[in-house]
């Protein structure tokens, strides 16, 4: 374990420092500072909201199925209700 830490200290830290001084490193740093930009996309946000609604409905169905299994009663279909 000490060897791994020593190798990282010798090569990793200076490598990251010098990468930050390059154009690519600066672009990476800028992107990290601003975020990835996906949080501002209205279509993506709408899709995430839709997925949240669908997940909530799925959780409700799973809870219902679990209650039916525990109670031992057969589930009634909407046409029987």
PDB file of N, CA and C in Angstrom:
ATOM      1  N   UNK A   1       0.827  -1.200   0.000  1.00  0.00           N
ATOM      2  CA  UNK A   1       0.000   0.000   0.000  1.00  0.00           C
ATOM      3  C   UNK A   1       0.863   1.252   0.000  1.00  0.00           C
ATOM      4  N   UNK A   2       1.952   1.236   0.759  1.00  0.00           N
ATOM      5  CA  UNK A   2       2.821   2.403   0.814  1.00  0.00           C
ATOM      6  C   UNK A   2       3.475   2.662  -0.538  1.00  0.00           C
ATOM      7  N   UNK A   3       3.769   1.579  -1.263  1.00  0.00           N
ATOM      8  CA  UNK A   3       4.372   1.724  -2.588  1.00  0.00           C
ATOM      9  C   UNK A   3       3.432   2.401  -3.560  1.00  0.00           C
ATOM     10  N   UNK A   4       2.159   2.046  -3.485  1.00  0.00           N
ATOM     11  CA  UNK A   4       1.163   2.653  -4.361  1.00  0.00           C
ATOM     12  C   UNK A   4       1.042   4.143  -4.082  1.00  0.00           C
ATOM     13  N   UNK A   5       1.024   4.498  -2.816  1.00  0.00           N
ATOM     14  CA  UNK A   5       0.927   5.909  -2.438  1.00  0.00           C
ATOM     15  C   UNK A   5       2.158   6.664  -2.912  1.00  0.00           C
ATOM     16  N   UNK A   6       3.323   6.045  -2.782  1.00  0.00           N
ATOM     17  CA  UNK A   6       4.566   6.695  -3.219  1.00  0.00           C
ATOM     18  C   UNK A   6       4.576   6.904  -4.731  1.00  0.00           C
ATOM     19  N   UNK A   7       4.138   5.907  -5.492  1.00  0.00           N
ATOM     20  CA  UNK A   7       4.100   6.043  -6.947  1.00  0.00           C
ATOM     21  C   UNK A   7       3.121   7.132  -7.353  1.00  0.00           C
ATOM     22  N   UNK A   8       1.963   7.174  -6.715  1.00  0.00           N
ATOM     23  CA  UNK A   8       0.994   8.223  -7.029  1.00  0.00           C
ATOM     24  C   UNK A   8       1.559   9.593  -6.683  1.00  0.00           C
ATOM     25  N   UNK A   9       2.215   9.705  -5.544  1.00  0.00           N
ATOM     26  CA  UNK A   9       2.784  10.989  -5.139  1.00  0.00           C
ATOM     27  C   UNK A   9       3.874  11.431  -6.109  1.00  0.00           C
ATOM     28  N   UNK A  10       4.663  10.480  -6.606  1.00  0.00           N
ATOM     29  CA  UNK A  10       5.758  10.819  -7.518  1.00  0.00           C
ATOM     30  C   UNK A  10       5.267  11.183  -8.911  1.00  0.00           C
ATOM     31  N   UNK A  11       4.285  10.460  -9.413  1.00  0.00           N
ATOM     32  CA  UNK A  11       3.868  10.643 -10.801  1.00  0.00           C
ATOM     33  C   UNK A  11       2.463  11.223 -10.950  1.00  0.00           C
ATOM     34  N   UNK A  12       1.550  10.814 -10.110  1.00  0.00           N
ATOM     35  CA  UNK A  12       0.158  11.222 -10.269  1.00  0.00           C
ATOM     36  C   UNK A  12      -0.077  12.688  -9.992  1.00  0.00           C
ATOM     37  N   UNK A  13       0.417  13.158  -8.867  1.00  0.00           N
ATOM     38  CA  UNK A  13       0.173  14.551  -8.489  1.00  0.00           C
ATOM     39  C   UNK A  13       0.820  15.514  -9.484  1.00  0.00           C
ATOM     40  N   UNK A  14       2.109  15.345  -9.808  1.00  0.00           N
ATOM     41  CA  UNK A  14       2.681  16.253 -10.827  1.00  0.00           C
ATOM     42  C   UNK A  14       2.010  16.103 -12.195  1.00  0.00           C
ATOM     43  N   UNK A  15       1.595  14.894 -12.537  1.00  0.00           N
ATOM     44  CA  UNK A  15       0.921  14.679 -13.816  1.00  0.00           C
ATOM     45  C   UNK A  15      -0.382  15.434 -13.885  1.00  0.00           C
ATOM     46  N   UNK A  16      -1.145  15.391 -12.820  1.00  0.00           N
ATOM     47  CA  UNK A  16      -2.407  16.131 -12.780  1.00  0.00           C
ATOM     48  C   UNK A  16      -2.149  17.631 -12.835  1.00  0.00           C
ATOM     49  N   UNK A  17      -1.113  18.085 -12.129  1.00  0.00           N
ATOM     50  CA  UNK A  17      -0.772  19.512 -12.138  1.00  0.00           C
ATOM     51  C   UNK A  17      -0.426  19.975 -13.547  1.00  0.00           C
ATOM     52  N   UNK A  18       0.439  19.236 -14.223  1.00  0.00           N
ATOM     53  CA  UNK A  18       0.852  19.637 -15.565  1.00  0.00           C
ATOM     54  C   UNK A  18      -0.264  19.459 -16.592  1.00  0.00           C
ATOM     55  N   UNK A  19      -1.130  18.474 -16.395  1.00  0.00           N
ATOM     56  CA  UNK A  19      -2.294  18.327 -17.269  1.00  0.00           C
ATOM     57  C   UNK A  19      -3.179  19.562 -17.168  1.00  0.00           C
ATOM     58  N   UNK A  20      -3.308  20.114 -15.970  1.00  0.00           N
ATOM     59  CA  UNK A  20      -4.110  21.311 -15.775  1.00  0.00           C
ATOM     60  C   UNK A  20      -3.551  22.529 -16.467  1.00  0.00           C
ATOM     61  N   UNK A  21      -2.277  22.496 -16.809  1.00  0.00           N
ATOM     62  CA  UNK A  21      -1.639  23.627 -17.497  1.00  0.00           C
ATOM     63  C   UNK A  21      -1.781  23.545 -19.012  1.00  0.00           C
ATOM     64  N   UNK A  22      -2.205  22.402 -19.534  1.00  0.00           N
ATOM     65  CA  UNK A  22      -2.366  22.250 -20.983  1.00  0.00           C
ATOM     66  C   UNK A  22      -3.735  22.770 -21.411  1.00  0.00           C
ATOM     67  N   UNK A  23      -3.933  22.910 -22.723  1.00  0.00           N
ATOM     68  CA  UNK A  23      -5.225  23.365 -23.240  1.00  0.00           C
ATOM     69  C   UNK A  23      -6.335  22.366 -22.917  1.00  0.00           C
ATOM     70  N   UNK A  24      -6.023  21.090 -23.051  1.00  0.00           N
ATOM     71  CA  UNK A  24      -7.019  20.051 -22.739  1.00  0.00           C
ATOM     72  C   UNK A  24      -7.354  20.092 -21.252  1.00  0.00           C
ATOM     73  N   UNK A  25      -6.332  20.243 -20.432  1.00  0.00           N
ATOM     74  CA  UNK A  25      -6.556  20.324 -18.986  1.00  0.00           C
ATOM     75  C   UNK A  25      -7.408  21.516 -18.618  1.00  0.00           C
ATOM     76  N   UNK A  26      -7.160  22.651 -19.272  1.00  0.00           N
ATOM     77  CA  UNK A  26      -7.957  23.850 -19.009  1.00  0.00           C
ATOM     78  C   UNK A  26      -9.411  23.645 -19.424  1.00  0.00           C
ATOM     79  N   UNK A  27      -9.623  22.951 -20.541  1.00  0.00           N
ATOM     80  CA  UNK A  27     -10.989  22.663 -20.982  1.00  0.00           C
ATOM     81  C   UNK A  27     -11.696  21.755 -19.988  1.00  0.00           C
ATOM     82  N   UNK A  28     -10.991  20.770 -19.458  1.00  0.00           N
ATOM     83  CA  UNK A  28     -11.575  19.865 -18.457  1.00  0.00           C
ATOM     84  C   UNK A  28     -11.942  20.639 -17.200  1.00  0.00           C
ATOM     85  N   UNK A  29     -11.042  21.492 -16.759  1.00  0.00           N
ATOM     86  CA  UNK A  29     -11.295  22.287 -15.546  1.00  0.00           C
ATOM     87  C   UNK A  29     -12.496  23.204 -15.758  1.00  0.00           C
ATOM     88  N   UNK A  30     -12.556  23.842 -16.917  1.00  0.00           N
ATOM     89  CA  UNK A  30     -13.682  24.745 -17.209  1.00  0.00           C
ATOM     90  C   UNK A  30     -15.007  23.988 -17.234  1.00  0.00           C
ATOM     91  N   UNK A  31     -14.996  22.814 -17.819  1.00  0.00           N
ATOM     92  CA  UNK A  31     -16.222  22.015 -17.877  1.00  0.00           C
ATOM     93  C   UNK A  31     -16.650  21.569 -16.478  1.00  0.00           C
ATOM     94  N   UNK A  32     -15.683  21.218 -15.639  1.00  0.00           N
ATOM     95  CA  UNK A  32     -16.006  20.830 -14.266  1.00  0.00           C
ATOM     96  C   UNK A  32     -16.570  22.006 -13.484  1.00  0.00           C
ATOM     97  N   UNK A  33     -16.043  23.189 -13.727  1.00  0.00           N
ATOM     98  CA  UNK A  33     -16.535  24.378 -13.019  1.00  0.00           C
ATOM     99  C   UNK A  33     -17.966  24.722 -13.430  1.00  0.00           C
ATOM    100  N   UNK A  34     -18.264  24.599 -14.714  1.00  0.00           N
ATOM    101  CA  UNK A  34     -19.580  24.976 -15.221  1.00  0.00           C
ATOM    102  C   UNK A  34     -20.591  23.853 -15.130  1.00  0.00           C
ATOM    103  N   UNK A  35     -20.175  22.669 -14.863  1.00  0.00           N
ATOM    104  CA  UNK A  35     -21.066  21.521 -14.922  1.00  0.00           C
ATOM    105  C   UNK A  35     -21.057  21.002 -16.338  1.00  0.00           C
ATOM    106  N   UNK A  36     -21.779  19.920 -16.581  1.00  0.00           N
ATOM    107  CA  UNK A  36     -21.744  19.323 -17.915  1.00  0.00           C
ATOM    108  C   UNK A  36     -22.767  19.935 -18.863  1.00  0.00           C
ATOM    109  N   UNK A  37     -23.582  20.875 -18.395  1.00  0.00           N
ATOM    110  CA  UNK A  37     -24.532  21.536 -19.279  1.00  0.00           C
ATOM    111  C   UNK A  37     -25.826  20.771 -19.483  1.00  0.00           C
ATOM    112  N   UNK A  38     -25.878  19.503 -19.108  1.00  0.00           N
ATOM    113  CA  UNK A  38     -27.082  18.708 -19.334  1.00  0.00           C
ATOM    114  C   UNK A  38     -28.215  19.144 -18.407  1.00  0.00           C
ATOM    115  N   UNK A  39     -27.883  19.788 -17.294  1.00  0.00           N
ATOM    116  CA  UNK A  39     -28.911  20.216 -16.360  1.00  0.00           C
ATOM    117  C   UNK A  39     -29.756  21.363 -16.872  1.00  0.00           C
ATOM    118  N   UNK A  40     -29.343  21.992 -17.957  1.00  0.00           N
ATOM    119  CA  UNK A  40     -30.081  23.129 -18.499  1.00  0.00           C
ATOM    120  C   UNK A  40     -30.931  22.752 -19.703  1.00  0.00           C
ATOM    121  N   UNK A  41     -30.929  21.517 -20.113  1.00  0.00           N
ATOM    122  CA  UNK A  41     -31.652  21.075 -21.302  1.00  0.00           C
ATOM    123  C   UNK A  41     -33.105  20.778 -20.923  1.00  0.00           C
ATOM    124  N   UNK A  42     -34.064  21.574 -21.409  1.00  0.00           N
ATOM    125  CA  UNK A  42     -35.468  21.359 -21.025  1.00  0.00           C
ATOM    126  C   UNK A  42     -36.011  19.998 -21.457  1.00  0.00           C
ATOM    127  N   UNK A  43     -35.575  19.497 -22.614  1.00  0.00           N
ATOM    128  CA  UNK A  43     -36.058  18.191 -23.068  1.00  0.00           C
ATOM    129  C   UNK A  43     -35.571  17.092 -22.133  1.00  0.00           C
ATOM    130  N   UNK A  44     -34.332  17.198 -21.697  1.00  0.00           N
ATOM    131  CA  UNK A  44     -33.781  16.201 -20.777  1.00  0.00           C
ATOM    132  C   UNK A  44     -34.474  16.273 -19.421  1.00  0.00           C
ATOM    133  N   UNK A  45     -34.737  17.482 -18.944  1.00  0.00           N
ATOM    134  CA  UNK A  45     -35.437  17.635 -17.669  1.00  0.00           C
ATOM    135  C   UNK A  45     -36.853  17.076 -17.745  1.00  0.00           C
ATOM    136  N   UNK A  46     -37.527  17.284 -18.875  1.00  0.00           N
ATOM    137  CA  UNK A  46     -38.880  16.741 -19.046  1.00  0.00           C
ATOM    138  C   UNK A  46     -38.845  15.222 -19.060  1.00  0.00           C
ATOM    139  N   UNK A  47     -37.844  14.658 -19.711  1.00  0.00           N
ATOM    140  CA  UNK A  47     -37.733  13.200 -19.750  1.00  0.00           C
ATOM    141  C   UNK A  47     -37.459  12.628 -18.364  1.00  0.00           C
ATOM    142  N   UNK A  48     -36.618  13.302 -17.591  1.00  0.00           N
ATOM    143  CA  UNK A  48     -36.343  12.849 -16.224  1.00  0.00           C
ATOM    144  C   UNK A  48     -37.615  12.922 -15.383  1.00  0.00           C
ATOM    145  N   UNK A  49     -38.390  13.992 -15.529  1.00  0.00           N
ATOM    146  CA  UNK A  49     -39.658  14.098 -14.792  1.00  0.00           C
ATOM    147  C   UNK A  49     -40.610  12.967 -15.175  1.00  0.00           C
ATOM    148  N   UNK A  50     -40.692  12.662 -16.475  1.00  0.00           N
ATOM    149  CA  UNK A  50     -41.539  11.564 -16.941  1.00  0.00           C
ATOM    150  C   UNK A  50     -41.081  10.238 -16.337  1.00  0.00           C
ATOM    151  N   UNK A  51     -39.776  10.024 -16.306  1.00  0.00           N
ATOM    152  CA  UNK A  51     -39.255   8.781 -15.720  1.00  0.00           C
ATOM    153  C   UNK A  51     -39.553   8.696 -14.226  1.00  0.00           C
ATOM    154  N   UNK A  52     -39.522   9.828 -13.546  1.00  0.00           N
ATOM    155  CA  UNK A  52     -39.850   9.838 -12.115  1.00  0.00           C
ATOM    156  C   UNK A  52     -41.311   9.442 -11.887  1.00  0.00           C
ATOM    157  N   UNK A  53     -42.197   9.958 -12.726  1.00  0.00           N
ATOM    158  CA  UNK A  53     -43.617   9.611 -12.609  1.00  0.00           C
ATOM    159  C   UNK A  53     -43.815   8.120 -12.855  1.00  0.00           C
ATOM    160  N   UNK A  54     -43.176   7.615 -13.918  1.00  0.00           N
ATOM    161  CA  UNK A  54     -43.308   6.193 -14.239  1.00  0.00           C
ATOM    162  C   UNK A  54     -42.741   5.319 -13.133  1.00  0.00           C
ATOM    163  N   UNK A  55     -41.614   5.739 -12.538  1.00  0.00           N
ATOM    164  CA  UNK A  55     -41.023   4.975 -11.443  1.00  0.00           C
ATOM    165  C   UNK A  55     -41.944   4.971 -10.231  1.00  0.00           C
ATOM    166  N   UNK A  56     -42.574   6.098  -9.955  1.00  0.00           N
ATOM    167  CA  UNK A  56     -43.509   6.176  -8.842  1.00  0.00           C
ATOM    168  C   UNK A  56     -44.688   5.226  -9.045  1.00  0.00           C
ATOM    169  N   UNK A  57     -45.225   5.190 -10.266  1.00  0.00           N
ATOM    170  CA  UNK A  57     -46.328   4.271 -10.562  1.00  0.00           C
ATOM    171  C   UNK A  57     -45.887   2.819 -10.429  1.00  0.00           C
ATOM    172  N   UNK A  58     -44.687   2.537 -10.865  1.00  0.00           N
ATOM    173  CA  UNK A  58     -44.156   1.178 -10.761  1.00  0.00           C
ATOM    174  C   UNK A  58     -43.977   0.764  -9.301  1.00  0.00           C
ATOM    175  N   UNK A  59     -43.513   1.697  -8.466  1.00  0.00           N
ATOM    176  CA  UNK A  59     -43.366   1.408  -7.043  1.00  0.00           C
ATOM    177  C   UNK A  59     -44.725   1.111  -6.409  1.00  0.00           C
ATOM    178  N   UNK A  60     -45.760   1.869  -6.803  1.00  0.00           N
ATOM    179  CA  UNK A  60     -47.101   1.621  -6.270  1.00  0.00           C
ATOM    180  C   UNK A  60     -47.596   0.241  -6.674  1.00  0.00           C
ATOM    181  N   UNK A  61     -47.360  -0.142  -7.912  1.00  0.00           N
ATOM    182  CA  UNK A  61     -47.784  -1.475  -8.368  1.00  0.00           C
ATOM    183  C   UNK A  61     -47.038  -2.573  -7.623  1.00  0.00           C
ATOM    184  N   UNK A  62     -45.758  -2.361  -7.393  1.00  0.00           N
ATOM    185  CA  UNK A  62     -44.970  -3.349  -6.660  1.00  0.00           C
ATOM    186  C   UNK A  62     -45.470  -3.475  -5.221  1.00  0.00           C
ATOM    187  N   UNK A  63     -45.748  -2.348  -4.583  1.00  0.00           N
ATOM    188  CA  UNK A  63     -46.286  -2.391  -3.221  1.00  0.00           C
ATOM    189  C   UNK A  63     -47.607  -3.151  -3.181  1.00  0.00           C
ATOM    190  N   UNK A  64     -48.472  -2.898  -4.164  1.00  0.00           N
ATOM    191  CA  UNK A  64     -49.750  -3.594  -4.227  1.00  0.00           C
ATOM    192  C   UNK A  64     -49.538  -5.097  -4.387  1.00  0.00           C
ATOM    193  N   UNK A  65     -48.641  -5.470  -5.287  1.00  0.00           N
ATOM    194  CA  UNK A  65     -48.383  -6.897  -5.518  1.00  0.00           C
ATOM    195  C   UNK A  65     -47.814  -7.556  -4.267  1.00  0.00           C
ATOM    196  N   UNK A  66     -46.934  -6.853  -3.558  1.00  0.00           N
ATOM    197  CA  UNK A  66     -46.376  -7.406  -2.321  1.00  0.00           C
ATOM    198  C   UNK A  66     -47.470  -7.597  -1.265  1.00  0.00           C
ATOM    199  N   UNK A  67     -48.372  -6.621  -1.144  1.00  0.00           N
ATOM    200  CA  UNK A  67     -49.466  -6.756  -0.168  1.00  0.00           C
ATOM    201  C   UNK A  67     -50.363  -7.935  -0.520  1.00  0.00           C
ATOM    202  N   UNK A  68     -50.623  -8.118  -1.816  1.00  0.00           N
ATOM    203  CA  UNK A  68     -51.461  -9.237  -2.236  1.00  0.00           C
ATOM    204  C   UNK A  68     -50.791 -10.569  -1.932  1.00  0.00           C
ATOM    205  N   UNK A  69     -49.497 -10.650  -2.148  1.00  0.00           N
ATOM    206  CA  UNK A  69     -48.782 -11.900  -1.857  1.00  0.00           C
ATOM    207  C   UNK A  69     -48.777 -12.206  -0.367  1.00  0.00           C
ATOM    208  N   UNK A  70     -48.610 -11.182   0.454  1.00  0.00           N
ATOM    209  CA  UNK A  70     -48.583 -11.389   1.904  1.00  0.00           C
ATOM    210  C   UNK A  70     -49.956 -11.785   2.420  1.00  0.00           C
ATOM    211  N   UNK A  71     -51.012 -11.178   1.883  1.00  0.00           N
ATOM    212  CA  UNK A  71     -52.359 -11.465   2.373  1.00  0.00           C
ATOM    213  C   UNK A  71     -52.867 -12.827   1.893  1.00  0.00           C
ATOM    214  N   UNK A  72     -52.325 -13.331   0.796  1.00  0.00           N
ATOM    215  CA  UNK A  72     -52.755 -14.618   0.272  1.00  0.00           C
ATOM    216  C   UNK A  72     -53.998 -14.548  -0.559  1.00  0.00           C
ATOM    217  N   UNK A  73     -54.545 -13.338  -0.790  1.00  0.00           N
ATOM    218  CA  UNK A  73     -55.740 -13.191  -1.614  1.00  0.00           C
ATOM    219  C   UNK A  73     -55.334 -12.985  -3.058  1.00  0.00           C
ATOM    220  N   UNK A  74     -56.112 -13.513  -3.982  1.00  0.00           N
ATOM    221  CA  UNK A  74     -55.812 -13.233  -5.385  1.00  0.00           C
ATOM    222  C   UNK A  74     -56.145 -11.778  -5.706  1.00  0.00           C
ATOM    223  N   UNK A  75     -55.355 -11.181  -6.550  1.00  0.00           N
ATOM    224  CA  UNK A  75     -55.576  -9.774  -6.923  1.00  0.00           C
ATOM    225  C   UNK A  75     -56.803  -9.679  -7.810  1.00  0.00           C
ATOM    226  N   UNK A  76     -57.616  -8.664  -7.551  1.00  0.00           N
ATOM    227  CA  UNK A  76     -58.799  -8.446  -8.403  1.00  0.00           C
ATOM    228  C   UNK A  76     -58.384  -7.591  -9.577  1.00  0.00           C
ATOM    229  N   UNK A  77     -58.920  -7.903 -10.720  1.00  0.00           N
ATOM    230  CA  UNK A  77     -58.624  -7.131 -11.921  1.00  0.00           C
ATOM    231  C   UNK A  77     -59.591  -5.946 -11.975  1.00  0.00           C
ATOM    232  N   UNK A  78     -59.256  -4.898 -12.721  1.00  0.00           N
ATOM    233  CA  UNK A  78     -60.152  -3.741 -12.791  1.00  0.00           C
ATOM    234  C   UNK A  78     -61.548  -4.099 -13.304  1.00  0.00           C
ATOM    235  N   UNK A  79     -61.702  -5.135 -14.132  1.00  0.00           N
ATOM    236  CA  UNK A  79     -63.019  -5.479 -14.649  1.00  0.00           C
ATOM    237  C   UNK A  79     -63.887  -6.124 -13.566  1.00  0.00           C
ATOM    238  N   UNK A  80     -63.254  -6.718 -12.528  1.00  0.00           N
ATOM    239  CA  UNK A  80     -64.015  -7.359 -11.442  1.00  0.00           C
ATOM    240  C   UNK A  80     -64.460  -6.333 -10.400  1.00  0.00           C
ATOM    241  N   UNK A  81     -63.807  -5.206 -10.322  1.00  0.00           N
ATOM    242  CA  UNK A  81     -64.095  -4.225  -9.275  1.00  0.00           C
ATOM    243  C   UNK A  81     -65.317  -3.426  -9.524  1.00  0.00           C
TER     244      UNK A  81
END
